[in-house]
Amino acid sequence: MKLRDSVWPNTASANAEIASVLCGHHRPAVPEIVRPIGMTTVPIEFKPPWIGVTPTEQQQLEAELAQEVCLLHPLAALDREVIARRIDTDDILVAISPHLCECAQVHLTWSGKTEMNPEVPSMELQATFQDWVQERMLPDHTTYIDKTPG
């Protein structure tokens, strides 16, 4: 046996293991490194189709987000907390920290598996919650009200 073989016994399997971890196929049994960050200090009065999440919904949505995000996704290493959801789409509002932005609007796939593409689930970052309210929630509300019969 060569010295190289004793240090790197099977390079192909080691590379496969690394790729498996990076793409989310292999989840080592370690504590979750992403911690909730606490509700935003900025009170948001959600308008339909956006609503705040209940503790049960928050737990379910955070579990789905954690399942979908591969280790290369921009949200993978960030502390995050789901704080709202749309009632008419699969979009959620996620508070993030530490980051240059306060929140991200994320479109879940509900595939029940880790996505291979680090751009999925898709997301749109907002610098502040006030920016999100002005640029996303209020226009979404206007569109939703215009589409609602009666």
C-alpha atoms as a PDB file:
ATOM      1  CA  MET A   1       0.000   0.000   0.000  1.00  0.00           C
ATOM      2  CA  LYS A   2       1.281   3.425  -0.963  1.00  0.00           C
ATOM      3  CA  LEU A   3       1.377   6.312   1.503  1.00  0.00           C
ATOM      4  CA  ARG A   4      -1.165   8.115  -0.675  1.00  0.00           C
ATOM      5  CA  ASP A   5      -3.570   5.185  -0.297  1.00  0.00           C
ATOM      6  CA  SER A   6      -3.329   5.239   3.495  1.00  0.00           C
ATOM      7  CA  VAL A   7      -4.118   8.969   3.607  1.00  0.00           C
ATOM      8  CA  TRP A   8      -6.743   8.953   0.836  1.00  0.00           C
ATOM      9  CA  PRO A   9      -8.042   5.389   0.790  1.00  0.00           C
ATOM     10  CA  ASN A  10     -10.758   6.004  -1.782  1.00  0.00           C
ATOM     11  CA  THR A  11     -10.749   9.445  -3.370  1.00  0.00           C
ATOM     12  CA  ALA A  12     -13.802   8.727  -5.515  1.00  0.00           C
ATOM     13  CA  SER A  13     -15.946   7.801  -2.515  1.00  0.00           C
ATOM     14  CA  ALA A  14     -14.632  10.774  -0.513  1.00  0.00           C
ATOM     15  CA  ASN A  15     -15.591  13.110  -3.373  1.00  0.00           C
ATOM     16  CA  ALA A  16     -19.006  11.489  -3.607  1.00  0.00           C
ATOM     17  CA  GLU A  17     -19.523  11.964   0.147  1.00  0.00           C
ATOM     18  CA  ILE A  18     -18.571  15.655  -0.090  1.00  0.00           C
ATOM     19  CA  ALA A  19     -20.905  16.180  -3.067  1.00  0.00           C
ATOM     20  CA  SER A  20     -23.678  14.370  -1.207  1.00  0.00           C
ATOM     21  CA  VAL A  21     -23.302  16.651   1.811  1.00  0.00           C
ATOM     22  CA  LEU A  22     -23.168  19.821  -0.302  1.00  0.00           C
ATOM     23  CA  CYS A  23     -26.274  18.896  -2.272  1.00  0.00           C
ATOM     24  CA  GLY A  24     -28.196  17.939   0.831  1.00  0.00           C
ATOM     25  CA  HIS A  25     -28.524  14.196   0.176  1.00  0.00           C
ATOM     26  CA  HIS A  26     -26.688  13.404   3.383  1.00  0.00           C
ATOM     27  CA  ARG A  27     -27.728  15.159   6.561  1.00  0.00           C
ATOM     28  CA  PRO A  28     -25.213  14.442   9.333  1.00  0.00           C
ATOM     29  CA  ALA A  29     -26.646  13.999  12.813  1.00  0.00           C
ATOM     30  CA  VAL A  30     -25.566  17.365  14.210  1.00  0.00           C
ATOM     31  CA  PRO A  31     -27.565  20.028  15.988  1.00  0.00           C
ATOM     32  CA  GLU A  32     -29.306  22.560  13.750  1.00  0.00           C
ATOM     33  CA  ILE A  33     -26.984  25.553  13.320  1.00  0.00           C
ATOM     34  CA  VAL A  34     -29.732  27.895  12.166  1.00  0.00           C
ATOM     35  CA  ARG A  35     -31.350  29.533  15.162  1.00  0.00           C
ATOM     36  CA  PRO A  36     -34.534  31.588  15.324  1.00  0.00           C
ATOM     37  CA  ILE A  37     -33.725  35.270  15.714  1.00  0.00           C
ATOM     38  CA  GLY A  38     -36.847  36.523  17.437  1.00  0.00           C
ATOM     39  CA  MET A  39     -39.679  38.466  15.907  1.00  0.00           C
ATOM     40  CA  THR A  40     -38.792  41.645  14.115  1.00  0.00           C
ATOM     41  CA  THR A  41     -38.746  44.699  16.348  1.00  0.00           C
ATOM     42  CA  VAL A  42     -40.690  46.536  13.632  1.00  0.00           C
ATOM     43  CA  PRO A  43     -44.408  45.814  14.035  1.00  0.00           C
ATOM     44  CA  ILE A  44     -45.971  44.913  10.698  1.00  0.00           C
ATOM     45  CA  GLU A  45     -49.698  45.144  10.094  1.00  0.00           C
ATOM     46  CA  PHE A  46     -50.079  42.408   7.491  1.00  0.00           C
ATOM     47  CA  LYS A  47     -52.679  42.971   4.782  1.00  0.00           C
ATOM     48  CA  PRO A  48     -54.250  40.206   2.692  1.00  0.00           C
ATOM     49  CA  PRO A  49     -52.979  38.142   1.044  1.00  0.00           C
ATOM     50  CA  TRP A  50     -50.209  38.298   3.692  1.00  0.00           C
ATOM     51  CA  ILE A  51     -50.872  37.042   7.214  1.00  0.00           C
ATOM     52  CA  GLY A  52     -48.690  36.464  10.252  1.00  0.00           C
ATOM     53  CA  VAL A  53     -47.998  32.818  11.030  1.00  0.00           C
ATOM     54  CA  THR A  54     -49.152  30.917  14.095  1.00  0.00           C
ATOM     55  CA  PRO A  55     -46.503  29.047  16.109  1.00  0.00           C
ATOM     56  CA  THR A  56     -47.637  25.773  14.496  1.00  0.00           C
ATOM     57  CA  GLU A  57     -47.496  27.219  10.977  1.00  0.00           C
ATOM     58  CA  GLN A  58     -44.120  28.759  11.733  1.00  0.00           C
ATOM     59  CA  GLN A  59     -42.758  25.381  12.810  1.00  0.00           C
ATOM     60  CA  GLN A  60     -44.149  23.650   9.695  1.00  0.00           C
ATOM     61  CA  LEU A  61     -42.926  26.343   7.285  1.00  0.00           C
ATOM     62  CA  GLU A  62     -39.466  26.467   8.853  1.00  0.00           C
ATOM     63  CA  ALA A  63     -39.224  22.679   8.611  1.00  0.00           C
ATOM     64  CA  GLU A  64     -40.149  22.795   4.908  1.00  0.00           C
ATOM     65  CA  LEU A  65     -37.674  25.612   4.265  1.00  0.00           C
ATOM     66  CA  ALA A  66     -34.907  23.704   6.064  1.00  0.00           C
ATOM     67  CA  GLN A  67     -35.743  20.617   3.984  1.00  0.00           C
ATOM     68  CA  GLU A  68     -35.653  22.466   0.650  1.00  0.00           C
ATOM     69  CA  VAL A  69     -32.507  24.547   1.160  1.00  0.00           C
ATOM     70  CA  CYS A  70     -29.259  22.842   0.111  1.00  0.00           C
ATOM     71  CA  LEU A  71     -26.003  23.855   1.779  1.00  0.00           C
ATOM     72  CA  LEU A  72     -25.110  26.138  -1.154  1.00  0.00           C
ATOM     73  CA  HIS A  73     -28.347  28.157  -0.947  1.00  0.00           C
ATOM     74  CA  PRO A  74     -27.886  31.771   0.259  1.00  0.00           C
ATOM     75  CA  LEU A  75     -30.205  31.150   3.242  1.00  0.00           C
ATOM     76  CA  ALA A  76     -28.487  27.932   4.339  1.00  0.00           C
ATOM     77  CA  ALA A  77     -26.066  29.432   6.860  1.00  0.00           C
ATOM     78  CA  LEU A  78     -28.181  32.357   8.026  1.00  0.00           C
ATOM     79  CA  ASP A  79     -30.154  32.569  11.242  1.00  0.00           C
ATOM     80  CA  ARG A  80     -33.748  32.867  10.096  1.00  0.00           C
ATOM     81  CA  GLU A  81     -37.343  32.867  11.230  1.00  0.00           C
ATOM     82  CA  VAL A  82     -40.554  32.599   9.198  1.00  0.00           C
ATOM     83  CA  ILE A  83     -42.867  35.427  10.258  1.00  0.00           C
ATOM     84  CA  ALA A  84     -45.589  35.564   7.572  1.00  0.00           C
ATOM     85  CA  ARG A  85     -47.079  33.730   4.609  1.00  0.00           C
ATOM     86  CA  ARG A  86     -49.283  34.488   1.623  1.00  0.00           C
ATOM     87  CA  ILE A  87     -52.664  32.794   1.638  1.00  0.00           C
ATOM     88  CA  ASP A  88     -52.839  32.560  -2.159  1.00  0.00           C
ATOM     89  CA  THR A  89     -49.315  31.356  -3.059  1.00  0.00           C
ATOM     90  CA  ASP A  90     -46.423  29.391  -1.557  1.00  0.00           C
ATOM     91  CA  ASP A  91     -44.551  32.569  -0.557  1.00  0.00           C
ATOM     92  CA  ILE A  92     -43.274  33.170   2.957  1.00  0.00           C
ATOM     93  CA  LEU A  93     -41.567  36.118   4.629  1.00  0.00           C
ATOM     94  CA  VAL A  94     -38.369  35.219   6.446  1.00  0.00           C
ATOM     95  CA  ALA A  95     -36.516  37.447   8.911  1.00  0.00           C
ATOM     96  CA  ILE A  96     -32.779  36.897   8.447  1.00  0.00           C
ATOM     97  CA  SER A  97     -29.709  37.770  10.493  1.00  0.00           C
ATOM     98  CA  PRO A  98     -26.837  38.463  10.379  1.00  0.00           C
ATOM     99  CA  HIS A  99     -27.003  39.874   6.906  1.00  0.00           C
ATOM    100  CA  LEU A 100     -27.025  43.155   5.060  1.00  0.00           C
ATOM    101  CA  CYS A 101     -30.741  42.621   4.539  1.00  0.00           C
ATOM    102  CA  GLU A 102     -33.460  42.220   7.172  1.00  0.00           C
ATOM    103  CA  CYS A 103     -35.739  39.866   5.297  1.00  0.00           C
ATOM    104  CA  ALA A 104     -36.313  37.658   2.292  1.00  0.00           C
ATOM    105  CA  GLN A 105     -39.489  36.701   0.495  1.00  0.00           C
ATOM    106  CA  VAL A 106     -39.117  33.017  -0.355  1.00  0.00           C
ATOM    107  CA  HIS A 107     -41.187  30.862  -2.737  1.00  0.00           C
ATOM    108  CA  LEU A 108     -41.334  27.325  -1.326  1.00  0.00           C
ATOM    109  CA  THR A 109     -41.567  24.412  -3.761  1.00  0.00           C
ATOM    110  CA  TRP A 110     -43.239  21.973  -1.336  1.00  0.00           C
ATOM    111  CA  SER A 111     -41.279  19.194  -3.014  1.00  0.00           C
ATOM    112  CA  GLY A 112     -40.579  17.548   0.325  1.00  0.00           C
ATOM    113  CA  LYS A 113     -36.911  17.169  -0.587  1.00  0.00           C
ATOM    114  CA  THR A 114     -33.691  19.128  -0.702  1.00  0.00           C
ATOM    115  CA  GLU A 115     -33.469  21.051  -3.937  1.00  0.00           C
ATOM    116  CA  MET A 116     -30.357  20.369  -6.020  1.00  0.00           C
ATOM    117  CA  ASN A 117     -30.252  23.899  -7.429  1.00  0.00           C
ATOM    118  CA  PRO A 118     -28.940  26.459  -4.904  1.00  0.00           C
ATOM    119  CA  GLU A 119     -31.238  29.052  -6.519  1.00  0.00           C
ATOM    120  CA  VAL A 120     -34.280  27.064  -5.374  1.00  0.00           C
ATOM    121  CA  PRO A 121     -36.313  27.892  -3.415  1.00  0.00           C
ATOM    122  CA  SER A 122     -36.277  31.260  -5.132  1.00  0.00           C
ATOM    123  CA  MET A 123     -36.069  34.344  -2.985  1.00  0.00           C
ATOM    124  CA  GLU A 124     -36.062  38.119  -3.109  1.00  0.00           C
ATOM    125  CA  LEU A 125     -34.038  39.999  -0.504  1.00  0.00           C
ATOM    126  CA  GLN A 126     -35.282  43.265   0.991  1.00  0.00           C
ATOM    127  CA  ALA A 127     -32.969  45.648   2.859  1.00  0.00           C
ATOM    128  CA  THR A 128     -35.597  46.471   5.503  1.00  0.00           C
ATOM    129  CA  PHE A 129     -39.042  45.324   6.528  1.00  0.00           C
ATOM    130  CA  GLN A 130     -40.334  48.783   5.569  1.00  0.00           C
ATOM    131  CA  ASP A 131     -38.947  48.250   2.042  1.00  0.00           C
ATOM    132  CA  TRP A 132     -40.722  44.889   1.867  1.00  0.00           C
ATOM    133  CA  VAL A 133     -44.007  46.465   3.002  1.00  0.00           C
ATOM    134  CA  GLN A 134     -43.770  49.236   0.382  1.00  0.00           C
ATOM    135  CA  GLU A 135     -42.359  47.177  -2.516  1.00  0.00           C
ATOM    136  CA  ARG A 136     -44.135  43.843  -2.002  1.00  0.00           C
ATOM    137  CA  MET A 137     -46.915  43.669   0.583  1.00  0.00           C
ATOM    138  CA  LEU A 138     -48.852  46.802  -0.375  1.00  0.00           C
ATOM    139  CA  PRO A 139     -48.746  46.081  -4.145  1.00  0.00           C
ATOM    140  CA  ASP A 140     -49.704  42.444  -3.428  1.00  0.00           C
ATOM    141  CA  HIS A 141     -52.601  43.712  -1.301  1.00  0.00           C
ATOM    142  CA  THR A 142     -53.864  46.025  -4.062  1.00  0.00           C
ATOM    143  CA  THR A 143     -53.706  43.225  -6.639  1.00  0.00           C
ATOM    144  CA  TYR A 144     -55.390  40.782  -4.267  1.00  0.00           C
ATOM    145  CA  ILE A 145     -58.235  43.200  -3.443  1.00  0.00           C
ATOM    146  CA  ASP A 146     -58.761  43.983  -7.153  1.00  0.00           C
ATOM    147  CA  LYS A 147     -59.088  40.239  -7.900  1.00  0.00           C
ATOM    148  CA  THR A 148     -61.394  39.497  -4.967  1.00  0.00           C
ATOM    149  CA  PRO A 149     -65.062  39.382  -6.070  1.00  0.00           C
ATOM    150  CA  GLY A 150     -67.566  41.642  -4.387  1.00  0.00           C
END
